Amino acid sequence: MAVNARTGEVQGERPYSKAKIAMLVAAVVMLVVLIIVLKSAR
């Protein structure tokens, strides 16, 4: 991926990391589960 400093034009595609995306999804799911458990504990 490269960005032209003069025009701002982007060449190539963004390098997505599958591991980081999977960790983010897992963290969001755990957060939702934690909120549900805490609300049901009342």
Protein backbone atom coordinates (compact mmCIF):
# COMPACT_ATOMS: atom_id res chain seq x y z
CA MET A 1 0.00 0.00 0.00
CA ALA A 2 1.29 3.47 -0.84
CA VAL A 3 -0.20 6.97 -0.61
CA ASN A 4 0.86 9.77 -2.94
CA ALA A 5 1.78 12.72 -0.68
CA ARG A 6 0.87 15.30 -3.31
CA THR A 7 -2.52 14.01 -4.50
CA GLY A 8 -3.51 11.70 -1.62
CA GLU A 9 -4.12 8.90 -4.13
CA VAL A 10 -3.92 5.40 -2.61
CA GLN A 11 -2.24 2.55 -4.49
CA GLY A 12 -2.76 -1.10 -3.56
CA GLU A 13 -5.03 -2.62 -0.93
CA ARG A 14 -5.09 -2.29 2.84
CA PRO A 15 -3.18 -5.14 4.53
CA TYR A 16 -5.81 -6.67 6.84
CA SER A 17 -4.53 -8.94 9.60
CA LYS A 18 -6.86 -11.92 10.05
CA ALA A 19 -5.45 -12.58 13.54
CA LYS A 20 -6.15 -9.03 14.75
CA ILE A 21 -9.67 -9.08 13.28
CA ALA A 22 -10.38 -12.43 14.99
CA MET A 23 -9.08 -11.10 18.32
CA LEU A 24 -11.28 -8.00 18.01
CA VAL A 25 -14.37 -10.11 17.27
CA ALA A 26 -13.57 -12.40 20.22
CA ALA A 27 -13.13 -9.40 22.55
CA VAL A 28 -16.48 -7.91 21.47
CA VAL A 29 -18.25 -11.25 21.97
CA MET A 30 -16.71 -11.66 25.45
CA LEU A 31 -17.74 -8.11 26.37
CA VAL A 32 -21.35 -8.76 25.29
CA VAL A 33 -21.44 -12.06 27.23
CA LEU A 34 -20.01 -10.33 30.31
CA ILE A 35 -22.67 -7.60 30.16
CA ILE A 36 -25.44 -10.20 29.80
CA VAL A 37 -24.11 -12.23 32.75
CA LEU A 38 -23.80 -9.18 34.97
CA LYS A 39 -27.31 -7.98 34.13
CA SER A 40 -28.82 -11.42 34.74
CA ALA A 41 -27.03 -11.75 38.09
CA ARG A 42 -29.14 -8.98 39.61
